[in-house]
Amino acid sequence: MHIKIIGAGLAGSECAYQLAQKGHQVELHEMRPAKMTAAHQKLTGKKAEKGEMTAAEKIKMMDTNADGVMSADEHAAGAKMMFEKMDTDHDSYLTKAEMKAGHEKFMHRKAASSGAVRPAD
């Protein structure tokens, strides 16, 4: 079955993952970055900025064989890669500081590659 999900945030992404695990073809649709939401600000404490990677873009990045479906193995490998990059002291735990620094580094790289100018925090 081919299923379209509107909204590739946390709930939409989890729904897509669970449906894909059950063998369904899943297509995610996301409005960002064309339109930013108040939900992003409420969750992160800051306004969304142009150039930030959407959940759908993150999923697409982890879809290493580009078949349009993220497998459990692709998800695990992507999560492990991000964790290892953020765990700067290599103690197998992420502190709030490591998470913040890792996110900022990733977002800065994304903004630079898209040509977006990121204001200082």
N, C-alpha and C. Protein backbone atom coordinates (compact mmCIF):
# COMPACT_ATOMS: atom_id res chain seq x y z
N MET A 1 0.84 -1.17 0.00
CA MET A 1 0.00 0.00 0.00
C MET A 1 0.89 1.24 0.00
N HIS A 2 0.54 2.24 -0.79
CA HIS A 2 1.26 3.51 -0.84
C HIS A 2 0.51 4.51 0.02
N ILE A 3 1.21 5.07 1.03
CA ILE A 3 0.58 5.98 1.98
C ILE A 3 1.31 7.32 1.96
N LYS A 4 0.54 8.41 1.87
CA LYS A 4 1.11 9.75 1.94
C LYS A 4 0.85 10.32 3.32
N ILE A 5 1.87 10.90 3.92
CA ILE A 5 1.76 11.51 5.24
C ILE A 5 2.08 12.98 5.11
N ILE A 6 1.18 13.81 5.61
CA ILE A 6 1.36 15.25 5.58
C ILE A 6 1.97 15.67 6.91
N GLY A 7 3.17 16.23 6.88
CA GLY A 7 3.85 16.66 8.09
C GLY A 7 4.94 15.67 8.47
N ALA A 8 6.18 16.06 8.27
CA ALA A 8 7.30 15.16 8.53
C ALA A 8 8.01 15.52 9.84
N GLY A 9 7.22 16.01 10.81
CA GLY A 9 7.78 16.27 12.13
C GLY A 9 7.94 14.96 12.89
N LEU A 10 8.01 15.06 14.18
CA LEU A 10 8.23 13.88 15.02
C LEU A 10 7.16 12.82 14.82
N ALA A 11 5.90 13.21 14.91
CA ALA A 11 4.80 12.23 14.77
C ALA A 11 4.73 11.67 13.36
N GLY A 12 4.82 12.54 12.35
CA GLY A 12 4.76 12.08 10.97
C GLY A 12 5.90 11.15 10.61
N SER A 13 7.09 11.48 11.10
CA SER A 13 8.26 10.65 10.82
C SER A 13 8.14 9.29 11.50
N GLU A 14 7.68 9.29 12.74
CA GLU A 14 7.50 8.02 13.45
C GLU A 14 6.43 7.17 12.78
N CYS A 15 5.35 7.81 12.36
CA CYS A 15 4.29 7.10 11.65
C CYS A 15 4.83 6.48 10.36
N ALA A 16 5.59 7.27 9.61
CA ALA A 16 6.18 6.77 8.36
C ALA A 16 7.11 5.59 8.63
N TYR A 17 7.92 5.71 9.67
CA TYR A 17 8.85 4.64 10.01
C TYR A 17 8.10 3.35 10.34
N GLN A 18 7.07 3.46 11.19
CA GLN A 18 6.32 2.26 11.59
C GLN A 18 5.60 1.63 10.40
N LEU A 19 5.03 2.45 9.53
CA LEU A 19 4.35 1.92 8.35
C LEU A 19 5.34 1.25 7.39
N ALA A 20 6.51 1.87 7.22
CA ALA A 20 7.54 1.28 6.35
C ALA A 20 8.00 -0.05 6.92
N GLN A 21 8.10 -0.15 8.25
CA GLN A 21 8.49 -1.41 8.89
C GLN A 21 7.48 -2.51 8.58
N LYS A 22 6.25 -2.13 8.35
CA LYS A 22 5.20 -3.10 8.04
C LYS A 22 5.08 -3.38 6.53
N GLY A 23 6.01 -2.80 5.75
CA GLY A 23 6.07 -3.09 4.33
C GLY A 23 5.34 -2.12 3.42
N HIS A 24 4.82 -1.03 3.96
CA HIS A 24 4.10 -0.05 3.14
C HIS A 24 5.09 0.92 2.49
N GLN A 25 4.74 1.40 1.30
CA GLN A 25 5.48 2.49 0.67
C GLN A 25 4.97 3.79 1.29
N VAL A 26 5.87 4.62 1.79
CA VAL A 26 5.48 5.83 2.49
C VAL A 26 6.08 7.05 1.81
N GLU A 27 5.28 8.08 1.65
CA GLU A 27 5.73 9.34 1.07
C GLU A 27 5.42 10.45 2.08
N LEU A 28 6.46 11.17 2.52
CA LEU A 28 6.28 12.27 3.47
C LEU A 28 6.21 13.60 2.75
N HIS A 29 5.33 14.47 3.18
CA HIS A 29 5.21 15.82 2.63
C HIS A 29 5.42 16.81 3.75
N GLU A 30 6.29 17.78 3.55
CA GLU A 30 6.65 18.75 4.57
C GLU A 30 6.53 20.15 4.00
N MET A 31 5.99 21.09 4.78
CA MET A 31 5.85 22.47 4.30
C MET A 31 7.10 23.30 4.53
N ARG A 32 7.95 22.91 5.48
CA ARG A 32 9.16 23.67 5.74
C ARG A 32 10.19 23.30 4.69
N PRO A 33 11.10 24.12 4.32
CA PRO A 33 11.35 25.43 4.89
C PRO A 33 10.54 26.55 4.25
N ALA A 34 9.63 26.23 3.34
CA ALA A 34 8.85 27.30 2.70
C ALA A 34 8.01 28.06 3.72
N LYS A 35 7.52 27.39 4.74
CA LYS A 35 6.71 28.04 5.76
C LYS A 35 7.18 27.55 7.13
N MET A 36 7.46 28.46 8.04
CA MET A 36 7.91 28.12 9.38
C MET A 36 6.71 28.13 10.32
N THR A 37 6.78 27.35 11.39
CA THR A 37 5.65 27.23 12.29
C THR A 37 5.96 27.69 13.70
N ALA A 38 4.89 28.00 14.44
CA ALA A 38 5.02 28.36 15.86
C ALA A 38 5.42 27.13 16.67
N ALA A 39 5.05 25.95 16.20
CA ALA A 39 5.39 24.71 16.92
C ALA A 39 6.91 24.56 17.03
N HIS A 40 7.62 24.92 15.97
CA HIS A 40 9.08 24.83 16.00
C HIS A 40 9.63 25.71 17.12
N GLN A 41 9.11 26.93 17.23
CA GLN A 41 9.59 27.84 18.26
C GLN A 41 9.25 27.31 19.65
N LYS A 42 8.06 26.75 19.82
CA LYS A 42 7.67 26.24 21.13
C LYS A 42 8.56 25.07 21.55
N LEU A 43 8.89 24.20 20.62
CA LEU A 43 9.72 23.03 20.95
C LEU A 43 11.18 23.37 21.18
N THR A 44 11.71 24.30 20.39
CA THR A 44 13.15 24.58 20.46
C THR A 44 13.49 25.83 21.23
N GLY A 45 12.50 26.70 21.47
CA GLY A 45 12.77 27.95 22.16
C GLY A 45 13.32 29.03 21.25
N LYS A 46 13.40 28.76 19.96
CA LYS A 46 13.87 29.77 19.02
C LYS A 46 13.10 29.65 17.73
N LYS A 47 13.07 30.73 16.98
CA LYS A 47 12.36 30.71 15.71
C LYS A 47 13.13 29.89 14.69
N ALA A 48 12.38 29.21 13.84
CA ALA A 48 13.00 28.46 12.76
C ALA A 48 13.67 29.43 11.79
N GLU A 49 14.78 29.01 11.26
CA GLU A 49 15.52 29.86 10.33
C GLU A 49 15.56 29.20 8.96
N LYS A 50 15.52 30.03 7.94
CA LYS A 50 15.67 29.47 6.60
C LYS A 50 17.01 28.77 6.52
N GLY A 51 17.03 27.64 5.85
CA GLY A 51 18.26 26.87 5.74
C GLY A 51 18.32 25.73 6.73
N GLU A 52 17.42 25.73 7.75
CA GLU A 52 17.41 24.61 8.68
C GLU A 52 16.87 23.39 7.97
N MET A 53 17.42 22.25 8.30
CA MET A 53 17.02 21.00 7.67
C MET A 53 15.71 20.51 8.28
N THR A 54 14.76 20.17 7.43
CA THR A 54 13.48 19.64 7.89
C THR A 54 13.64 18.16 8.24
N ALA A 55 12.66 17.63 8.94
CA ALA A 55 12.67 16.20 9.25
C ALA A 55 12.69 15.37 7.97
N ALA A 56 11.94 15.81 6.96
CA ALA A 56 11.91 15.09 5.69
C ALA A 56 13.27 15.07 5.03
N GLU A 57 14.00 16.18 5.13
CA GLU A 57 15.35 16.23 4.55
C GLU A 57 16.30 15.30 5.31
N LYS A 58 16.14 15.24 6.63
CA LYS A 58 16.98 14.34 7.43
C LYS A 58 16.72 12.89 7.05
N ILE A 59 15.45 12.56 6.86
CA ILE A 59 15.10 11.20 6.46
C ILE A 59 15.67 10.88 5.09
N LYS A 60 15.55 11.84 4.17
CA LYS A 60 16.09 11.64 2.82
C LYS A 60 17.60 11.42 2.88
N MET A 61 18.28 12.15 3.77
CA MET A 61 19.72 12.01 3.92
C MET A 61 20.09 10.60 4.41
N MET A 62 19.26 10.03 5.28
CA MET A 62 19.55 8.70 5.82
C MET A 62 19.16 7.57 4.86
N ASP A 63 18.37 7.89 3.85
CA ASP A 63 17.96 6.89 2.84
C ASP A 63 19.13 6.67 1.89
N THR A 64 20.12 5.92 2.34
CA THR A 64 21.40 5.81 1.64
C THR A 64 21.30 5.16 0.26
N ASN A 65 20.32 4.30 0.04
CA ASN A 65 20.20 3.70 -1.28
C ASN A 65 19.21 4.44 -2.17
N ALA A 66 18.67 5.57 -1.68
CA ALA A 66 17.78 6.46 -2.43
C ALA A 66 16.59 5.75 -3.05
N ASP A 67 16.03 4.77 -2.32
CA ASP A 67 14.85 4.07 -2.84
C ASP A 67 13.55 4.71 -2.38
N GLY A 68 13.64 5.82 -1.62
CA GLY A 68 12.45 6.50 -1.14
C GLY A 68 11.85 5.92 0.12
N VAL A 69 12.49 4.88 0.66
CA VAL A 69 12.03 4.22 1.88
C VAL A 69 13.20 4.13 2.83
N MET A 70 13.00 4.50 4.08
CA MET A 70 14.08 4.37 5.05
C MET A 70 13.90 3.05 5.80
N SER A 71 14.91 2.20 5.69
CA SER A 71 14.87 0.92 6.39
C SER A 71 15.33 1.11 7.84
N ALA A 72 15.06 0.12 8.67
CA ALA A 72 15.50 0.16 10.06
C ALA A 72 17.02 0.25 10.12
N ASP A 73 17.70 -0.45 9.23
CA ASP A 73 19.16 -0.40 9.20
C ASP A 73 19.67 0.99 8.83
N GLU A 74 19.02 1.64 7.85
CA GLU A 74 19.41 3.00 7.47
C GLU A 74 19.16 3.97 8.62
N HIS A 75 18.04 3.81 9.29
CA HIS A 75 17.72 4.68 10.43
C HIS A 75 18.75 4.50 11.54
N ALA A 76 19.06 3.26 11.87
CA ALA A 76 20.03 2.99 12.93
C ALA A 76 21.42 3.52 12.58
N ALA A 77 21.83 3.33 11.32
CA ALA A 77 23.15 3.82 10.89
C ALA A 77 23.22 5.34 10.94
N GLY A 78 22.15 6.02 10.50
CA GLY A 78 22.11 7.48 10.54
C GLY A 78 22.14 8.02 11.95
N ALA A 79 21.36 7.41 12.83
CA ALA A 79 21.34 7.83 14.24
C ALA A 79 22.69 7.60 14.90
N LYS A 80 23.31 6.47 14.61
CA LYS A 80 24.62 6.16 15.18
C LYS A 80 25.67 7.16 14.70
N MET A 81 25.64 7.48 13.41
CA MET A 81 26.60 8.43 12.86
C MET A 81 26.46 9.80 13.54
N MET A 82 25.22 10.28 13.68
CA MET A 82 25.01 11.57 14.32
C MET A 82 25.46 11.54 15.78
N PHE A 83 25.13 10.46 16.49
CA PHE A 83 25.52 10.34 17.89
C PHE A 83 27.04 10.39 18.03
N GLU A 84 27.73 9.63 17.20
CA GLU A 84 29.19 9.58 17.28
C GLU A 84 29.82 10.94 16.97
N LYS A 85 29.24 11.68 16.04
CA LYS A 85 29.77 13.01 15.73
C LYS A 85 29.55 13.98 16.89
N MET A 86 28.44 13.83 17.60
CA MET A 86 28.11 14.74 18.69
C MET A 86 28.81 14.38 19.99
N ASP A 87 29.15 13.12 20.18
CA ASP A 87 29.79 12.65 21.42
C ASP A 87 31.29 12.98 21.38
N THR A 88 31.60 14.25 21.59
CA THR A 88 32.96 14.73 21.40
C THR A 88 33.95 14.19 22.42
N ASP A 89 33.48 13.81 23.61
CA ASP A 89 34.41 13.24 24.60
C ASP A 89 34.42 11.70 24.56
N HIS A 90 33.67 11.12 23.63
CA HIS A 90 33.66 9.66 23.38
C HIS A 90 33.37 8.84 24.63
N ASP A 91 32.43 9.33 25.46
CA ASP A 91 32.08 8.56 26.66
C ASP A 91 30.77 7.80 26.50
N SER A 92 30.22 7.79 25.29
CA SER A 92 28.96 7.10 24.96
C SER A 92 27.73 7.73 25.60
N TYR A 93 27.85 9.00 26.00
CA TYR A 93 26.73 9.77 26.52
C TYR A 93 26.76 11.15 25.88
N LEU A 94 25.58 11.72 25.64
CA LEU A 94 25.51 13.09 25.12
C LEU A 94 25.03 14.01 26.23
N THR A 95 25.85 14.97 26.56
CA THR A 95 25.44 16.01 27.50
C THR A 95 24.61 17.05 26.75
N LYS A 96 23.93 17.91 27.49
CA LYS A 96 23.17 18.99 26.84
C LYS A 96 24.11 19.86 26.02
N ALA A 97 25.30 20.11 26.54
CA ALA A 97 26.27 20.94 25.82
C ALA A 97 26.70 20.28 24.51
N GLU A 98 26.95 18.98 24.53
CA GLU A 98 27.34 18.26 23.30
C GLU A 98 26.20 18.29 22.29
N MET A 99 24.97 18.10 22.77
CA MET A 99 23.82 18.11 21.87
C MET A 99 23.66 19.48 21.23
N LYS A 100 23.76 20.53 22.04
CA LYS A 100 23.61 21.89 21.52
C LYS A 100 24.72 22.20 20.52
N ALA A 101 25.96 21.88 20.88
CA ALA A 101 27.09 22.16 19.99
C ALA A 101 26.98 21.37 18.69
N GLY A 102 26.58 20.11 18.79
CA GLY A 102 26.42 19.28 17.59
C GLY A 102 25.34 19.81 16.68
N HIS A 103 24.22 20.22 17.27
CA HIS A 103 23.12 20.77 16.47
C HIS A 103 23.54 22.06 15.81
N GLU A 104 24.20 22.94 16.56
CA GLU A 104 24.65 24.22 15.99
C GLU A 104 25.64 24.00 14.85
N LYS A 105 26.56 23.07 15.04
CA LYS A 105 27.56 22.78 14.00
C LYS A 105 26.87 22.26 12.73
N PHE A 106 25.92 21.36 12.92
CA PHE A 106 25.21 20.79 11.79
C PHE A 106 24.39 21.85 11.07
N MET A 107 23.68 22.70 11.83
CA MET A 107 22.85 23.72 11.23
C MET A 107 23.70 24.78 10.53
N HIS A 108 24.85 25.11 11.10
CA HIS A 108 25.75 26.07 10.46
C HIS A 108 26.24 25.54 9.12
N ARG A 109 26.59 24.25 9.09
CA ARG A 109 27.06 23.62 7.85
C ARG A 109 25.93 23.61 6.82
N LYS A 110 24.70 23.32 7.25
CA LYS A 110 23.55 23.29 6.35
C LYS A 110 23.28 24.68 5.79
N ALA A 111 23.31 25.69 6.66
CA ALA A 111 23.04 27.06 6.21
C ALA A 111 24.12 27.52 5.24
N ALA A 112 25.37 27.18 5.51
CA ALA A 112 26.47 27.58 4.63
C ALA A 112 26.34 26.93 3.26
N SER A 113 25.94 25.66 3.25
CA SER A 113 25.84 24.96 1.97
C SER A 113 24.64 25.44 1.16
N SER A 114 23.62 25.99 1.83
CA SER A 114 22.44 26.47 1.10
C SER A 114 22.56 27.93 0.71
N GLY A 115 23.61 28.61 1.20
CA GLY A 115 23.80 30.02 0.90
C GLY A 115 23.05 30.93 1.86
N ALA A 116 22.34 30.33 2.83
CA ALA A 116 21.60 31.14 3.80
C ALA A 116 22.55 31.78 4.78
N VAL A 117 22.25 32.95 5.20
CA VAL A 117 23.06 33.65 6.20
C VAL A 117 22.41 33.40 7.54
N ARG A 118 23.15 32.90 8.48
CA ARG A 118 22.62 32.57 9.79
C ARG A 118 23.00 33.67 10.78
N PRO A 119 22.03 34.29 11.41
CA PRO A 119 22.35 35.33 12.38
C PRO A 119 22.98 34.74 13.62
N ALA A 120 23.81 35.54 14.29
CA ALA A 120 24.43 35.09 15.54
C ALA A 120 23.38 34.95 16.61
N ASP A 121 23.54 33.95 17.49
CA ASP A 121 22.59 33.72 18.59
C ASP A 121 22.77 34.74 19.69
